[in-house]
Amino acid sequence: MVITPKKMYSLACEWLKDNDIENAEFDASQLFEKAFGFKESSPKAEEMSDSSYFHELVTARSWGWPLQYLLGEWEFYGIPLKVGQGVLIPRQDTETLVETVICKNRNVDPVIIDLCSGSGCIALALEHELKAGDIYAVEKSEAAAQYLKENIALNNSEVKAVVGDCLDKGIIQSLPKADIIVCNPPYLTSEDMKNLQREVTYEPEEALFGGEDGLDFYRDITRSYKTRLCHNGMLAFEVGYTQAEEVMEILIQAGFEDVRAYEDYCGVKRVVIGFYTEKGNVKVY
């Protein structure tokens, strides 16, 4: 019996469901289009075609490989991005960070530094939405930095990629004073790392693990970068779903003013921001 691509799609949906893939139909549809170049609803889906590549993709997805890695690209804030093994997958949670920074920005043509930049999704979104001046995207991982550079080129961006450890003193001193410093740091705890979803285990550990309590990067970045902010400059973090209060306290203790947390669309406090002046007067809200 001849199995058409459309039938292959149906079988793939069943296979993914049997392997506990939550959005089996959506994933199968995306992989189908990746393999064949047309959607399963297209009239072409009744025609014969080599199914080996589709089979490979569906098999990998059934093992838990992230859909985004298999597709090789993903969209964030309306921006196309190349992604793959070695770089953190952009998530909708992080769009809340971008939206908050846009809303709370107090400057025209701000200078922006994006720390732990990964794919560059935050820097590219802010460049597009704020029509920003100079933007620097700092990334330590060579694998992730390759995707960062690809995405800068893909989007005809003027974001400046800085490859190196954002906590290295040489890197810190090489960066200009900024109006906005934004960061989605590694923030999973030791306990979190023991209980990762299957798909997340394929993502780079160094982009996930934030120390025993998940707060190491918040402490170090706040301490190291507050003096790299211009007068009344903004520091903005994405935070884990239970970390907002602790991160707010880190900023307050470091002398930041107007320290606040903002919720994502699920009502989770997902973003913490504060503003810094050299006066060091602290206001708690």
C-alpha atoms as a PDB file:
ATOM      1  CA  MET A   1       0.000   0.000   0.000  1.00  0.00           C
ATOM      2  CA  VAL A   2       1.289   3.455  -0.919  1.00  0.00           C
ATOM      3  CA  ILE A   3       1.519   5.815   2.064  1.00  0.00           C
ATOM      4  CA  THR A   4       1.017   9.413   1.024  1.00  0.00           C
ATOM      5  CA  PRO A   5       2.607  12.337   2.863  1.00  0.00           C
ATOM      6  CA  LYS A   6      -0.827  13.175   4.268  1.00  0.00           C
ATOM      7  CA  LYS A   7      -1.084   9.687   5.767  1.00  0.00           C
ATOM      8  CA  MET A   8       2.447  10.051   7.114  1.00  0.00           C
ATOM      9  CA  TYR A   9       1.322  13.183   8.933  1.00  0.00           C
ATOM     10  CA  SER A  10      -1.572  11.315  10.537  1.00  0.00           C
ATOM     11  CA  LEU A  11       0.731   8.515  11.675  1.00  0.00           C
ATOM     12  CA  ALA A  12       3.247  11.049  13.003  1.00  0.00           C
ATOM     13  CA  CYS A  13       0.565  12.678  15.163  1.00  0.00           C
ATOM     14  CA  GLU A  14      -0.274   9.318  16.714  1.00  0.00           C
ATOM     15  CA  TRP A  15       3.378   8.494  17.254  1.00  0.00           C
ATOM     16  CA  LEU A  16       4.122  11.781  18.987  1.00  0.00           C
ATOM     17  CA  LYS A  17       1.050  11.434  21.210  1.00  0.00           C
ATOM     18  CA  ASP A  18       2.167   7.931  22.170  1.00  0.00           C
ATOM     19  CA  ASN A  19       5.516   9.422  23.206  1.00  0.00           C
ATOM     20  CA  ASP A  20       3.905  12.054  25.435  1.00  0.00           C
ATOM     21  CA  ILE A  21       4.496  15.044  23.168  1.00  0.00           C
ATOM     22  CA  GLU A  22       2.003  17.596  24.455  1.00  0.00           C
ATOM     23  CA  ASN A  23       1.217  19.484  21.222  1.00  0.00           C
ATOM     24  CA  ALA A  24       1.535  16.532  18.882  1.00  0.00           C
ATOM     25  CA  GLU A  25      -0.598  17.883  16.028  1.00  0.00           C
ATOM     26  CA  PHE A  26       1.141  21.259  15.974  1.00  0.00           C
ATOM     27  CA  ASP A  27       4.608  19.726  16.160  1.00  0.00           C
ATOM     28  CA  ALA A  28       3.839  17.180  13.441  1.00  0.00           C
ATOM     29  CA  SER A  29       2.487  19.956  11.223  1.00  0.00           C
ATOM     30  CA  GLN A  30       5.620  22.075  11.695  1.00  0.00           C
ATOM     31  CA  LEU A  31       7.924  19.126  11.010  1.00  0.00           C
ATOM     32  CA  PHE A  32       5.840  18.125   7.988  1.00  0.00           C
ATOM     33  CA  GLU A  33       6.278  21.553   6.411  1.00  0.00           C
ATOM     34  CA  LYS A  34       9.986  21.503   7.249  1.00  0.00           C
ATOM     35  CA  ALA A  35      10.447  18.120   5.536  1.00  0.00           C
ATOM     36  CA  PHE A  36       8.218  18.504   2.482  1.00  0.00           C
ATOM     37  CA  GLY A  37       8.043  22.243   1.886  1.00  0.00           C
ATOM     38  CA  PHE A  38       4.257  22.421   2.053  1.00  0.00           C
ATOM     39  CA  LYS A  39       1.538  21.985   4.656  1.00  0.00           C
ATOM     40  CA  GLU A  40      -0.302  18.728   5.279  1.00  0.00           C
ATOM     41  CA  SER A  41      -3.509  20.443   4.097  1.00  0.00           C
ATOM     42  CA  SER A  42      -1.998  21.237   0.694  1.00  0.00           C
ATOM     43  CA  PRO A  43      -3.194  19.243  -2.364  1.00  0.00           C
ATOM     44  CA  LYS A  44       0.447  18.262  -2.800  1.00  0.00           C
ATOM     45  CA  ALA A  45       0.131  16.206   0.379  1.00  0.00           C
ATOM     46  CA  GLU A  46      -1.612  13.508  -1.670  1.00  0.00           C
ATOM     47  CA  GLU A  47       1.460  13.057  -3.853  1.00  0.00           C
ATOM     48  CA  MET A  48       4.309  10.646  -3.280  1.00  0.00           C
ATOM     49  CA  SER A  49       7.466  12.057  -1.771  1.00  0.00           C
ATOM     50  CA  ASP A  50      10.585  10.778  -0.017  1.00  0.00           C
ATOM     51  CA  SER A  51       9.596  10.424   3.638  1.00  0.00           C
ATOM     52  CA  SER A  52      12.998   9.635   5.157  1.00  0.00           C
ATOM     53  CA  TYR A  53      13.727  13.185   6.350  1.00  0.00           C
ATOM     54  CA  PHE A  54      10.262  13.533   7.880  1.00  0.00           C
ATOM     55  CA  HIS A  55      10.739  10.211   9.640  1.00  0.00           C
ATOM     56  CA  GLU A  56      14.070  11.406  11.090  1.00  0.00           C
ATOM     57  CA  LEU A  57      12.520  14.627  12.361  1.00  0.00           C
ATOM     58  CA  VAL A  58       9.536  12.932  13.973  1.00  0.00           C
ATOM     59  CA  THR A  59      11.754  10.290  15.562  1.00  0.00           C
ATOM     60  CA  ALA A  60      14.001  12.946  17.093  1.00  0.00           C
ATOM     61  CA  ARG A  61      10.975  14.854  18.386  1.00  0.00           C
ATOM     62  CA  SER A  62       9.579  11.669  19.943  1.00  0.00           C
ATOM     63  CA  TRP A  63      12.853  11.316  21.853  1.00  0.00           C
ATOM     64  CA  GLY A  64      12.369  14.802  23.282  1.00  0.00           C
ATOM     65  CA  TRP A  65      14.495  16.937  20.978  1.00  0.00           C
ATOM     66  CA  PRO A  66      13.046  20.477  21.098  1.00  0.00           C
ATOM     67  CA  LEU A  67      10.861  21.355  18.130  1.00  0.00           C
ATOM     68  CA  GLN A  68      12.730  24.654  17.708  1.00  0.00           C
ATOM     69  CA  TYR A  69      16.077  22.884  17.308  1.00  0.00           C
ATOM     70  CA  LEU A  70      14.642  20.541  14.682  1.00  0.00           C
ATOM     71  CA  LEU A  71      13.145  23.431  12.726  1.00  0.00           C
ATOM     72  CA  GLY A  72      16.352  25.418  13.051  1.00  0.00           C
ATOM     73  CA  GLU A  73      14.482  28.665  13.511  1.00  0.00           C
ATOM     74  CA  TRP A  74      11.903  30.310  15.723  1.00  0.00           C
ATOM     75  CA  GLU A  75      10.118  33.637  16.016  1.00  0.00           C
ATOM     76  CA  PHE A  76      10.402  36.014  18.963  1.00  0.00           C
ATOM     77  CA  TYR A  77       8.496  39.288  19.191  1.00  0.00           C
ATOM     78  CA  GLY A  78       7.832  39.038  15.456  1.00  0.00           C
ATOM     79  CA  ILE A  79      11.535  38.630  14.677  1.00  0.00           C
ATOM     80  CA  PRO A  80      12.890  35.526  12.863  1.00  0.00           C
ATOM     81  CA  LEU A  81      15.756  33.810  14.655  1.00  0.00           C
ATOM     82  CA  LYS A  82      18.095  30.934  13.914  1.00  0.00           C
ATOM     83  CA  VAL A  83      18.311  28.491  16.820  1.00  0.00           C
ATOM     84  CA  GLY A  84      19.919  25.128  17.449  1.00  0.00           C
ATOM     85  CA  GLN A  85      21.823  23.020  19.927  1.00  0.00           C
ATOM     86  CA  GLY A  86      24.000  25.211  22.128  1.00  0.00           C
ATOM     87  CA  VAL A  87      21.682  28.204  22.416  1.00  0.00           C
ATOM     88  CA  LEU A  88      18.751  28.834  24.749  1.00  0.00           C
ATOM     89  CA  ILE A  89      15.398  28.728  22.970  1.00  0.00           C
ATOM     90  CA  PRO A  90      13.577  32.100  23.066  1.00  0.00           C
ATOM     91  CA  ARG A  91      10.396  31.839  25.116  1.00  0.00           C
ATOM     92  CA  GLN A  92       7.223  33.862  25.408  1.00  0.00           C
ATOM     93  CA  ASP A  93       8.072  34.603  29.058  1.00  0.00           C
ATOM     94  CA  THR A  94      10.936  36.755  27.825  1.00  0.00           C
ATOM     95  CA  GLU A  95       8.610  38.891  25.708  1.00  0.00           C
ATOM     96  CA  THR A  96       7.345  40.286  29.024  1.00  0.00           C
ATOM     97  CA  LEU A  97      10.876  41.539  29.723  1.00  0.00           C
ATOM     98  CA  VAL A  98      11.015  43.258  26.332  1.00  0.00           C
ATOM     99  CA  GLU A  99       7.572  44.823  26.768  1.00  0.00           C
ATOM    100  CA  THR A 100       8.435  46.122  30.242  1.00  0.00           C
ATOM    101  CA  VAL A 101      11.683  47.719  29.088  1.00  0.00           C
ATOM    102  CA  ILE A 102       9.897  49.386  26.171  1.00  0.00           C
ATOM    103  CA  CYS A 103       7.187  50.725  28.473  1.00  0.00           C
ATOM    104  CA  LYS A 104       9.560  51.982  31.181  1.00  0.00           C
ATOM    105  CA  ASN A 105      12.275  53.423  28.942  1.00  0.00           C
ATOM    106  CA  ARG A 106      12.947  57.098  29.735  1.00  0.00           C
ATOM    107  CA  ASN A 107      15.412  57.927  26.958  1.00  0.00           C
ATOM    108  CA  VAL A 108      15.484  58.800  23.272  1.00  0.00           C
ATOM    109  CA  ASP A 109      17.863  56.586  21.286  1.00  0.00           C
ATOM    110  CA  PRO A 110      19.001  54.735  24.420  1.00  0.00           C
ATOM    111  CA  VAL A 111      22.312  52.920  24.661  1.00  0.00           C
ATOM    112  CA  ILE A 112      21.503  49.327  25.637  1.00  0.00           C
ATOM    113  CA  ILE A 113      23.565  46.412  26.926  1.00  0.00           C
ATOM    114  CA  ASP A 114      22.027  42.928  26.736  1.00  0.00           C
ATOM    115  CA  LEU A 115      23.857  40.494  29.027  1.00  0.00           C
ATOM    116  CA  CYS A 116      23.727  36.687  28.612  1.00  0.00           C
ATOM    117  CA  SER A 117      22.343  37.479  25.169  1.00  0.00           C
ATOM    118  CA  GLY A 118      22.159  33.947  23.715  1.00  0.00           C
ATOM    119  CA  SER A 119      20.352  34.100  20.371  1.00  0.00           C
ATOM    120  CA  GLY A 120      20.181  37.897  20.593  1.00  0.00           C
ATOM    121  CA  CYS A 121      16.389  37.864  20.799  1.00  0.00           C
ATOM    122  CA  ILE A 122      16.137  40.612  23.439  1.00  0.00           C
ATOM    123  CA  ALA A 123      18.678  42.931  21.836  1.00  0.00           C
ATOM    124  CA  LEU A 124      17.113  42.566  18.394  1.00  0.00           C
ATOM    125  CA  ALA A 125      13.584  43.150  19.687  1.00  0.00           C
ATOM    126  CA  LEU A 126      14.631  46.267  21.607  1.00  0.00           C
ATOM    127  CA  GLU A 127      16.547  47.613  18.633  1.00  0.00           C
ATOM    128  CA  HIS A 128      13.464  47.226  16.463  1.00  0.00           C
ATOM    129  CA  GLU A 129      10.949  48.632  18.944  1.00  0.00           C
ATOM    130  CA  LEU A 130      12.966  51.463  20.520  1.00  0.00           C
ATOM    131  CA  LYS A 131      14.906  52.559  17.445  1.00  0.00           C
ATOM    132  CA  ALA A 132      17.781  52.466  19.892  1.00  0.00           C
ATOM    133  CA  GLY A 133      21.228  53.918  19.514  1.00  0.00           C
ATOM    134  CA  ASP A 134      24.146  51.582  20.186  1.00  0.00           C
ATOM    135  CA  ILE A 135      23.200  48.119  21.438  1.00  0.00           C
ATOM    136  CA  TYR A 136      25.737  45.634  22.765  1.00  0.00           C
ATOM    137  CA  ALA A 137      24.897  41.932  23.108  1.00  0.00           C
ATOM    138  CA  VAL A 138      27.290  40.033  25.391  1.00  0.00           C
ATOM    139  CA  GLU A 139      27.483  36.235  25.192  1.00  0.00           C
ATOM    140  CA  LYS A 140      30.077  33.886  26.695  1.00  0.00           C
ATOM    141  CA  SER A 141      29.291  30.621  24.884  1.00  0.00           C
ATOM    142  CA  GLU A 142      30.974  30.295  21.492  1.00  0.00           C
ATOM    143  CA  ALA A 143      28.135  28.096  20.220  1.00  0.00           C
ATOM    144  CA  ALA A 144      25.470  30.603  21.268  1.00  0.00           C
ATOM    145  CA  ALA A 145      27.562  33.513  19.977  1.00  0.00           C
ATOM    146  CA  GLN A 146      27.502  31.964  16.505  1.00  0.00           C
ATOM    147  CA  TYR A 147      23.706  32.070  16.529  1.00  0.00           C
ATOM    148  CA  LEU A 148      23.836  35.617  17.888  1.00  0.00           C
ATOM    149  CA  LYS A 149      25.994  36.709  14.945  1.00  0.00           C
ATOM    150  CA  GLU A 150      23.786  34.836  12.453  1.00  0.00           C
ATOM    151  CA  ASN A 151      20.681  36.526  13.817  1.00  0.00           C
ATOM    152  CA  ILE A 152      22.267  39.964  13.671  1.00  0.00           C
ATOM    153  CA  ALA A 153      23.047  39.353   9.997  1.00  0.00           C
ATOM    154  CA  LEU A 154      19.649  37.750   9.294  1.00  0.00           C
ATOM    155  CA  ASN A 155      17.833  40.830  10.581  1.00  0.00           C
ATOM    156  CA  ASN A 156      20.192  43.397   9.023  1.00  0.00           C
ATOM    157  CA  SER A 157      20.851  44.589  12.542  1.00  0.00           C
ATOM    158  CA  GLU A 158      23.466  46.968  13.904  1.00  0.00           C
ATOM    159  CA  VAL A 159      23.607  45.213  17.275  1.00  0.00           C
ATOM    160  CA  LYS A 160      27.244  44.758  18.311  1.00  0.00           C
ATOM    161  CA  ALA A 161      28.106  41.220  19.403  1.00  0.00           C
ATOM    162  CA  VAL A 162      30.581  40.993  22.293  1.00  0.00           C
ATOM    163  CA  VAL A 163      31.904  37.467  22.828  1.00  0.00           C
ATOM    164  CA  GLY A 164      33.082  36.892  26.374  1.00  0.00           C
ATOM    165  CA  ASP A 165      32.070  36.444  29.997  1.00  0.00           C
ATOM    166  CA  CYS A 166      29.855  39.356  31.041  1.00  0.00           C
ATOM    167  CA  LEU A 167      31.395  39.159  34.539  1.00  0.00           C
ATOM    168  CA  ASP A 168      34.948  39.464  33.252  1.00  0.00           C
ATOM    169  CA  LYS A 169      36.413  42.811  34.358  1.00  0.00           C
ATOM    170  CA  GLY A 170      37.903  43.414  30.929  1.00  0.00           C
ATOM    171  CA  ILE A 171      34.524  42.943  29.251  1.00  0.00           C
ATOM    172  CA  ILE A 172      32.795  45.186  31.803  1.00  0.00           C
ATOM    173  CA  GLN A 173      35.305  48.004  31.332  1.00  0.00           C
ATOM    174  CA  SER A 174      35.160  47.727  27.531  1.00  0.00           C
ATOM    175  CA  LEU A 175      31.438  48.483  27.469  1.00  0.00           C
ATOM    176  CA  PRO A 176      30.137  52.058  27.416  1.00  0.00           C
ATOM    177  CA  LYS A 177      27.835  53.627  29.959  1.00  0.00           C
ATOM    178  CA  ALA A 178      24.309  52.493  29.157  1.00  0.00           C
ATOM    179  CA  ASP A 179      20.820  53.876  29.610  1.00  0.00           C
ATOM    180  CA  ILE A 180      19.429  50.346  29.848  1.00  0.00           C
ATOM    181  CA  ILE A 181      21.048  47.094  30.927  1.00  0.00           C
ATOM    182  CA  VAL A 182      18.821  44.080  30.365  1.00  0.00           C
ATOM    183  CA  CYS A 183      19.446  40.453  31.216  1.00  0.00           C
ATOM    184  CA  ASN A 184      17.749  37.075  31.152  1.00  0.00           C
ATOM    185  CA  PRO A 185      20.374  35.229  33.202  1.00  0.00           C
ATOM    186  CA  PRO A 186      20.599  31.564  34.137  1.00  0.00           C
ATOM    187  CA  TYR A 187      18.287  31.314  37.138  1.00  0.00           C
ATOM    188  CA  LEU A 188      17.391  27.683  37.781  1.00  0.00           C
ATOM    189  CA  THR A 189      18.282  26.286  41.202  1.00  0.00           C
ATOM    190  CA  SER A 190      20.059  23.013  41.945  1.00  0.00           C
ATOM    191  CA  GLU A 191      16.663  21.477  42.684  1.00  0.00           C
ATOM    192  CA  ASP A 192      15.225  22.810  39.418  1.00  0.00           C
ATOM    193  CA  MET A 193      18.067  21.194  37.480  1.00  0.00           C
ATOM    194  CA  LYS A 194      17.126  17.785  38.895  1.00  0.00           C
ATOM    195  CA  ASN A 195      13.561  18.109  37.634  1.00  0.00           C
ATOM    196  CA  LEU A 196      13.911  19.532  34.130  1.00  0.00           C
ATOM    197  CA  GLN A 197      11.317  18.793  31.472  1.00  0.00           C
ATOM    198  CA  ARG A 198      12.642  16.334  28.916  1.00  0.00           C
ATOM    199  CA  GLU A 199      12.982  18.980  26.165  1.00  0.00           C
ATOM    200  CA  VAL A 200      14.891  21.388  28.424  1.00  0.00           C
ATOM    201  CA  THR A 201      17.619  18.811  29.098  1.00  0.00           C
ATOM    202  CA  TYR A 202      18.770  19.347  25.492  1.00  0.00           C
ATOM    203  CA  GLU A 203      19.420  23.051  26.113  1.00  0.00           C
ATOM    204  CA  PRO A 204      22.828  24.277  27.385  1.00  0.00           C
ATOM    205  CA  GLU A 205      23.221  23.902  31.143  1.00  0.00           C
ATOM    206  CA  GLU A 206      25.278  27.084  31.393  1.00  0.00           C
ATOM    207  CA  ALA A 207      22.263  29.030  30.116  1.00  0.00           C
ATOM    208  CA  LEU A 208      20.005  27.492  32.779  1.00  0.00           C
ATOM    209  CA  PHE A 209      21.837  26.959  36.086  1.00  0.00           C
ATOM    210  CA  GLY A 210      22.036  30.005  38.348  1.00  0.00           C
ATOM    211  CA  GLY A 211      23.697  28.472  41.390  1.00  0.00           C
ATOM    212  CA  GLU A 212      22.340  26.661  44.419  1.00  0.00           C
ATOM    213  CA  ASP A 213      19.528  29.179  44.989  1.00  0.00           C
ATOM    214  CA  GLY A 214      19.367  30.393  41.374  1.00  0.00           C
ATOM    215  CA  LEU A 215      20.389  33.937  42.322  1.00  0.00           C
ATOM    216  CA  ASP A 216      24.141  33.988  41.638  1.00  0.00           C
ATOM    217  CA  PHE A 217      23.930  35.995  38.416  1.00  0.00           C
ATOM    218  CA  TYR A 218      21.507  38.533  39.861  1.00  0.00           C
ATOM    219  CA  ARG A 219      23.924  39.297  42.685  1.00  0.00           C
ATOM    220  CA  ASP A 220      27.016  39.431  40.490  1.00  0.00           C
ATOM    221  CA  ILE A 221      25.494  41.425  37.624  1.00  0.00           C
ATOM    222  CA  THR A 222      23.836  43.942  39.932  1.00  0.00           C
ATOM    223  CA  ARG A 223      27.100  44.522  41.784  1.00  0.00           C
ATOM    224  CA  SER A 224      29.270  44.634  38.665  1.00  0.00           C
ATOM    225  CA  TYR A 225      27.086  46.695  36.337  1.00  0.00           C
ATOM    226  CA  LYS A 226      25.357  49.337  38.452  1.00  0.00           C
ATOM    227  CA  THR A 227      28.235  51.740  37.786  1.00  0.00           C
ATOM    228  CA  ARG A 228      27.974  51.056  34.044  1.00  0.00           C
ATOM    229  CA  LEU A 229      24.565  52.739  34.010  1.00  0.00           C
ATOM    230  CA  CYS A 230      24.086  56.348  33.031  1.00  0.00           C
ATOM    231  CA  HIS A 231      22.365  58.666  35.492  1.00  0.00           C
ATOM    232  CA  ASN A 232      18.958  57.178  36.312  1.00  0.00           C
ATOM    233  CA  GLY A 233      19.687  54.193  34.094  1.00  0.00           C
ATOM    234  CA  MET A 234      17.507  51.077  34.139  1.00  0.00           C
ATOM    235  CA  LEU A 235      18.540  47.546  35.084  1.00  0.00           C
ATOM    236  CA  ALA A 236      15.939  44.977  34.022  1.00  0.00           C
ATOM    237  CA  PHE A 237      15.953  41.236  34.766  1.00  0.00           C
ATOM    238  CA  GLU A 238      13.793  38.300  33.819  1.00  0.00           C
ATOM    239  CA  VAL A 239      13.289  36.197  36.969  1.00  0.00           C
ATOM    240  CA  GLY A 240      12.082  32.735  37.870  1.00  0.00           C
ATOM    241  CA  TYR A 241       8.492  32.368  38.996  1.00  0.00           C
ATOM    242  CA  THR A 242       9.337  32.499  42.731  1.00  0.00           C
ATOM    243  CA  GLN A 243      12.317  34.861  42.624  1.00  0.00           C
ATOM    244  CA  ALA A 244      10.858  38.368  42.218  1.00  0.00           C
ATOM    245  CA  GLU A 245      10.952  39.397  45.874  1.00  0.00           C
ATOM    246  CA  GLU A 246      14.515  38.183  46.383  1.00  0.00           C
ATOM    247  CA  VAL A 247      15.773  39.892  43.213  1.00  0.00           C
ATOM    248  CA  MET A 248      14.007  43.110  44.202  1.00  0.00           C
ATOM    249  CA  GLU A 249      15.825  42.977  47.534  1.00  0.00           C
ATOM    250  CA  ILE A 250      19.175  42.503  45.747  1.00  0.00           C
ATOM    251  CA  LEU A 251      18.549  45.695  43.743  1.00  0.00           C
ATOM    252  CA  ILE A 252      17.338  47.648  46.758  1.00  0.00           C
ATOM    253  CA  GLN A 253      20.378  46.678  48.796  1.00  0.00           C
ATOM    254  CA  ALA A 254      22.591  47.793  45.893  1.00  0.00           C
ATOM    255  CA  GLY A 255      21.056  51.274  45.977  1.00  0.00           C
ATOM    256  CA  PHE A 256      18.550  51.067  43.139  1.00  0.00           C
ATOM    257  CA  GLU A 257      15.421  53.225  43.205  1.00  0.00           C
ATOM    258  CA  ASP A 258      11.883  52.622  41.935  1.00  0.00           C
ATOM    259  CA  VAL A 259      12.415  48.868  42.219  1.00  0.00           C
ATOM    260  CA  ARG A 260       9.340  47.042  40.977  1.00  0.00           C
ATOM    261  CA  ALA A 261       8.182  43.652  39.696  1.00  0.00           C
ATOM    262  CA  TYR A 262       5.907  43.115  36.689  1.00  0.00           C
ATOM    263  CA  GLU A 263       3.695  40.160  35.846  1.00  0.00           C
ATOM    264  CA  ASP A 264       3.506  38.120  32.663  1.00  0.00           C
ATOM    265  CA  TYR A 265       0.204  37.193  31.009  1.00  0.00           C
ATOM    266  CA  CYS A 266      -0.213  34.285  33.435  1.00  0.00           C
ATOM    267  CA  GLY A 267      -0.007  36.554  36.465  1.00  0.00           C
ATOM    268  CA  VAL A 268       3.517  35.446  37.399  1.00  0.00           C
ATOM    269  CA  LYS A 269       5.973  38.123  38.546  1.00  0.00           C
ATOM    270  CA  ARG A 270       8.405  37.630  35.685  1.00  0.00           C
ATOM    271  CA  VAL A 271      10.361  40.907  35.451  1.00  0.00           C
ATOM    272  CA  VAL A 272      12.178  43.057  38.008  1.00  0.00           C
ATOM    273  CA  ILE A 273      13.496  46.520  37.188  1.00  0.00           C
ATOM    274  CA  GLY A 274      15.206  49.315  39.082  1.00  0.00           C
ATOM    275  CA  PHE A 275      16.852  52.664  38.352  1.00  0.00           C
ATOM    276  CA  TYR A 276      20.268  53.718  39.598  1.00  0.00           C
ATOM    277  CA  THR A 277      21.778  57.079  40.439  1.00  0.00           C
ATOM    278  CA  GLU A 278      25.085  57.685  42.140  1.00  0.00           C
ATOM    279  CA  LYS A 279      23.256  59.378  45.006  1.00  0.00           C
ATOM    280  CA  GLY A 280      22.428  55.901  46.280  1.00  0.00           C
ATOM    281  CA  ASN A 281      19.164  56.983  47.914  1.00  0.00           C
ATOM    282  CA  VAL A 282      16.871  53.994  48.231  1.00  0.00           C
ATOM    283  CA  LYS A 283      13.115  54.143  47.837  1.00  0.00           C
ATOM    284  CA  VAL A 284      11.103  51.014  48.590  1.00  0.00           C
ATOM    285  CA  TYR A 285       7.731  50.656  46.877  1.00  0.00           C
END
